[in-house]
């Protein structure tokens, strides 16, 4: 493939380097996601998937190896440059929604756009469009506590997509939902991802959901196998 949305090559990561308590988390992991491709990252607990996602999203740095987003080498960037690249290119979804409780669903999606310099009217229009696409526009003015778990996670999806990232990173995005709700929420997420041509790396334990993506990558003991 001529260009990868995400190219992680030979990623090494450990904690307490050089000490007796040293823990090696990633051992030369290499993962690539093509433009417009949705890749499932399947890994048992403790295999290093969260660490890998954090490195991919520039929330953490590798001890060695290379991180490239849309062809650009992210190695050696300053904190300010990493923050700017992350804000412009990456959207995150976690197992728990982490919505701001004092704000409505709509406001939770508007706020990251305002922080990125988008004017309020444009930000609200995009937020409503995303809520409509995920089927919860009628709940736009409700606060998180007034929403079901599935609705809360859909709002979290919309927030991750608010600034039109090129790459979506998701860590067990439906892991906190019952099977029926998980399937519905995942279907809504995939519909938006496919419609926008977004690239995505989605960590999941659910092999049924993984099978609905373009490709499966397996991570075990810090290595891609």
Protein backbone atom coordinates (compact mmCIF):
# COMPACT_ATOMS: atom_id res chain seq x y z
CA UNK A 1 0.00 0.00 0.00
CA UNK A 2 1.49 3.35 -1.03
CA UNK A 3 0.50 5.18 2.15
CA UNK A 4 -0.42 3.97 5.59
CA UNK A 5 -2.70 5.96 7.85
CA UNK A 6 -0.76 4.40 10.74
CA UNK A 7 2.63 2.74 10.53
CA UNK A 8 4.13 1.40 13.76
CA UNK A 9 7.45 -0.30 13.12
CA UNK A 10 9.55 -2.21 15.65
CA UNK A 11 7.95 -0.62 18.69
CA UNK A 12 9.72 -1.38 21.97
CA UNK A 13 8.38 -0.20 25.31
CA UNK A 14 9.34 -1.03 28.87
CA UNK A 15 9.02 0.47 32.32
CA UNK A 16 11.68 0.81 35.02
CA UNK A 17 14.36 0.41 32.37
CA UNK A 18 17.61 -1.08 33.71
CA UNK A 19 16.16 -1.88 37.13
CA UNK A 20 15.45 -5.30 38.68
CA UNK A 21 11.72 -4.48 38.45
CA UNK A 22 11.93 -3.76 34.71
CA UNK A 23 8.80 -4.77 32.77
CA UNK A 24 8.94 -5.11 28.99
CA UNK A 25 5.51 -4.37 27.51
CA UNK A 26 6.13 -4.24 23.75
CA UNK A 27 8.80 -6.24 21.95
CA UNK A 28 9.34 -5.01 18.41
CA UNK A 29 5.63 -4.70 17.60
CA UNK A 30 4.80 -3.73 14.01
CA UNK A 31 1.26 -2.75 13.02
CA UNK A 32 0.06 -0.93 9.93
CA UNK A 33 -3.37 0.42 9.04
CA UNK A 34 -4.11 1.41 5.47
CA UNK A 35 -5.99 4.51 4.43
CA UNK A 36 -9.70 3.76 4.84
CA UNK A 37 -8.97 0.40 6.48
CA UNK A 38 -10.52 -0.82 9.74
CA UNK A 39 -8.22 -3.19 11.63
CA UNK A 40 -9.13 -5.23 14.71
CA UNK A 41 -6.46 -5.52 17.40
CA UNK A 42 -7.15 -8.71 19.34
CA UNK A 43 -5.13 -9.28 22.48
CA UNK A 44 -5.48 -10.92 25.89
CA UNK A 45 -5.30 -8.76 29.00
CA UNK A 46 -1.77 -7.64 29.74
CA UNK A 47 -0.52 -8.16 26.20
CA UNK A 48 0.26 -4.47 25.71
CA UNK A 49 -2.65 -3.33 23.52
CA UNK A 50 -3.44 -0.20 25.55
CA UNK A 51 0.22 0.79 25.55
CA UNK A 52 0.39 0.22 21.79
CA UNK A 53 -2.69 2.38 21.22
CA UNK A 54 -1.28 5.15 23.43
CA UNK A 55 1.95 5.14 21.44
CA UNK A 56 0.02 5.12 18.16
CA UNK A 57 -2.00 8.12 19.34
CA UNK A 58 1.05 10.03 20.59
CA UNK A 59 -0.09 9.87 24.21
CA UNK A 60 3.05 7.90 25.08
CA UNK A 61 6.47 7.47 23.50
CA UNK A 62 8.24 4.26 22.51
CA UNK A 63 11.72 3.41 23.75
CA UNK A 64 12.60 2.53 20.17
CA UNK A 65 10.91 2.01 16.84
CA UNK A 66 9.09 4.38 14.53
CA UNK A 67 5.61 5.93 14.55
CA UNK A 68 4.30 7.40 11.31
CA UNK A 69 0.89 9.02 10.84
CA UNK A 70 -0.22 9.59 7.24
CA UNK A 71 3.37 9.12 6.16
CA UNK A 72 4.84 11.64 8.61
CA UNK A 73 7.48 10.46 11.06
CA UNK A 74 6.39 11.38 14.58
CA UNK A 75 9.65 10.34 16.22
CA UNK A 76 11.45 13.11 18.06
CA UNK A 77 8.67 15.69 17.95
CA UNK A 78 8.37 18.18 20.79
CA UNK A 79 5.46 17.93 23.21
CA UNK A 80 3.76 20.86 21.46
CA UNK A 81 4.19 19.25 18.05
CA UNK A 82 2.88 15.93 19.32
CA UNK A 83 -0.17 17.63 20.83
CA UNK A 84 -0.90 19.45 17.58
CA UNK A 85 -0.52 16.28 15.50
CA UNK A 86 -2.74 14.32 17.87
CA UNK A 87 -5.44 17.00 17.84
CA UNK A 88 -5.43 17.23 14.06
CA UNK A 89 -5.14 13.57 13.11
CA UNK A 90 -6.33 11.22 15.86
CA UNK A 91 -9.64 10.45 17.56
CA UNK A 92 -9.85 8.27 20.69
CA UNK A 93 -12.62 6.06 22.07
CA UNK A 94 -12.28 4.22 25.36
CA UNK A 95 -14.26 1.48 27.10
CA UNK A 96 -15.80 4.10 29.40
CA UNK A 97 -17.29 7.17 27.79
CA UNK A 98 -15.59 9.84 29.99
CA UNK A 99 -18.20 12.43 28.98
CA UNK A 100 -18.29 15.72 30.90
CA UNK A 101 -21.30 15.26 33.19
CA UNK A 102 -22.28 18.93 33.44
CA UNK A 103 -22.65 19.33 29.67
CA UNK A 104 -25.25 17.97 27.26
CA UNK A 105 -24.50 15.38 24.60
CA UNK A 106 -24.35 18.15 22.01
CA UNK A 107 -22.02 20.29 24.12
CA UNK A 108 -19.67 17.36 24.72
CA UNK A 109 -19.17 17.16 20.96
CA UNK A 110 -19.00 20.91 20.41
CA UNK A 111 -16.33 21.58 23.05
CA UNK A 112 -13.38 19.80 21.38
CA UNK A 113 -14.17 21.64 18.17
CA UNK A 114 -14.12 25.00 19.93
CA UNK A 115 -10.76 24.06 21.43
CA UNK A 116 -9.55 23.40 17.90
CA UNK A 117 -10.57 26.87 16.71
CA UNK A 118 -13.91 26.03 15.05
CA UNK A 119 -16.63 28.66 15.41
CA UNK A 120 -19.63 27.78 17.57
CA UNK A 121 -22.23 27.62 14.79
CA UNK A 122 -20.13 25.30 12.63
CA UNK A 123 -19.24 23.14 15.64
CA UNK A 124 -22.89 22.73 16.62
CA UNK A 125 -23.91 21.86 13.07
CA UNK A 126 -21.24 19.13 12.88
CA UNK A 127 -22.20 17.82 16.31
CA UNK A 128 -25.85 17.51 15.27
CA UNK A 129 -24.83 15.78 12.04
CA UNK A 130 -22.81 13.19 13.97
CA UNK A 131 -25.61 12.64 16.49
CA UNK A 132 -28.02 12.16 13.59
CA UNK A 133 -25.71 9.66 11.89
CA UNK A 134 -25.50 7.60 15.07
CA UNK A 135 -29.24 7.74 15.67
CA UNK A 136 -29.43 9.78 18.86
CA UNK A 137 -30.13 13.33 17.67
CA UNK A 138 -33.35 13.44 19.78
CA UNK A 139 -31.13 13.09 22.89
CA UNK A 140 -28.83 15.98 21.96
CA UNK A 141 -29.87 18.22 24.85
CA UNK A 142 -29.68 15.49 27.50
CA UNK A 143 -26.79 15.23 29.92
CA UNK A 144 -24.84 11.95 30.21
CA UNK A 145 -26.65 10.88 33.39
CA UNK A 146 -29.93 11.01 31.44
CA UNK A 147 -28.64 8.69 28.71
CA UNK A 148 -28.39 4.91 28.57
CA UNK A 149 -24.98 3.24 28.42
CA UNK A 150 -25.31 2.68 24.69
CA UNK A 151 -26.33 6.30 24.13
CA UNK A 152 -23.43 7.57 26.22
CA UNK A 153 -20.97 5.54 24.15
CA UNK A 154 -22.46 6.81 20.90
CA UNK A 155 -21.91 10.35 22.13
CA UNK A 156 -18.31 9.38 22.94
CA UNK A 157 -17.95 8.12 19.36
CA UNK A 158 -19.27 11.42 18.04
CA UNK A 159 -16.88 13.36 20.25
CA UNK A 160 -13.94 11.31 18.94
CA UNK A 161 -14.96 12.17 15.39
CA UNK A 162 -15.77 15.82 16.10
CA UNK A 163 -12.56 17.25 14.65
CA UNK A 164 -12.63 14.97 11.58
CA UNK A 165 -9.53 12.91 12.44
CA UNK A 166 -7.80 10.75 9.85
CA UNK A 167 -7.27 7.89 12.31
CA UNK A 168 -9.59 6.49 14.96
CA UNK A 169 -8.11 4.52 17.87
CA UNK A 170 -10.51 2.58 20.07
CA UNK A 171 -9.75 0.53 23.18
CA UNK A 172 -12.56 -1.97 23.85
CA UNK A 173 -15.17 0.63 22.80
CA UNK A 174 -18.14 -1.66 23.49
CA UNK A 175 -16.58 -3.70 26.30
CA UNK A 176 -18.75 -2.08 28.97
CA UNK A 177 -22.05 -2.83 27.21
CA UNK A 178 -24.34 -5.85 27.14
CA UNK A 179 -24.11 -7.99 23.96
CA UNK A 180 -27.24 -6.61 22.30
CA UNK A 181 -26.35 -2.99 22.94
CA UNK A 182 -22.72 -3.67 21.98
CA UNK A 183 -23.79 -4.95 18.57
CA UNK A 184 -26.04 -1.93 17.93
CA UNK A 185 -23.41 0.59 19.02
CA UNK A 186 -20.68 -1.10 16.99
CA UNK A 187 -22.91 -1.11 13.91
CA UNK A 188 -23.52 2.63 14.33
CA UNK A 189 -19.79 3.27 14.71
CA UNK A 190 -18.90 1.21 11.64
CA UNK A 191 -21.55 2.94 9.53
CA UNK A 192 -20.02 6.35 10.25
CA UNK A 193 -16.45 5.10 9.80
CA UNK A 194 -17.29 3.53 6.43
CA UNK A 195 -19.27 6.53 5.28
CA UNK A 196 -16.42 8.95 6.03
CA UNK A 197 -13.58 6.72 4.81
CA UNK A 198 -11.90 6.88 8.21
CA UNK A 199 -9.00 4.59 9.11
CA UNK A 200 -9.33 2.77 12.43
CA UNK A 201 -7.47 0.48 14.80
CA UNK A 202 -9.97 -1.04 17.22
CA UNK A 203 -8.91 -3.21 20.16
CA UNK A 204 -11.49 -5.81 21.17
CA UNK A 205 -11.89 -9.15 22.91
CA UNK A 206 -15.05 -9.80 20.89
CA UNK A 207 -14.11 -12.07 18.00
CA UNK A 208 -17.53 -11.62 16.38
CA UNK A 209 -16.97 -7.86 16.18
CA UNK A 210 -13.37 -8.38 15.04
CA UNK A 211 -14.58 -10.55 12.16
CA UNK A 212 -16.66 -7.62 10.86
CA UNK A 213 -13.56 -5.49 10.31
CA UNK A 214 -11.22 -5.61 7.32
CA UNK A 215 -8.37 -7.41 9.01
CA UNK A 216 -7.37 -8.87 12.38
CA UNK A 217 -4.01 -8.26 14.05
CA UNK A 218 -3.16 -10.33 17.11
CA UNK A 219 -0.91 -9.07 19.89
CA UNK A 220 0.50 -11.49 22.46
CA UNK A 221 3.20 -10.85 25.04
CA UNK A 222 4.13 -7.59 23.39
CA UNK A 223 4.56 -9.02 19.92
CA UNK A 224 2.37 -9.16 16.84
CA UNK A 225 1.82 -12.84 16.07
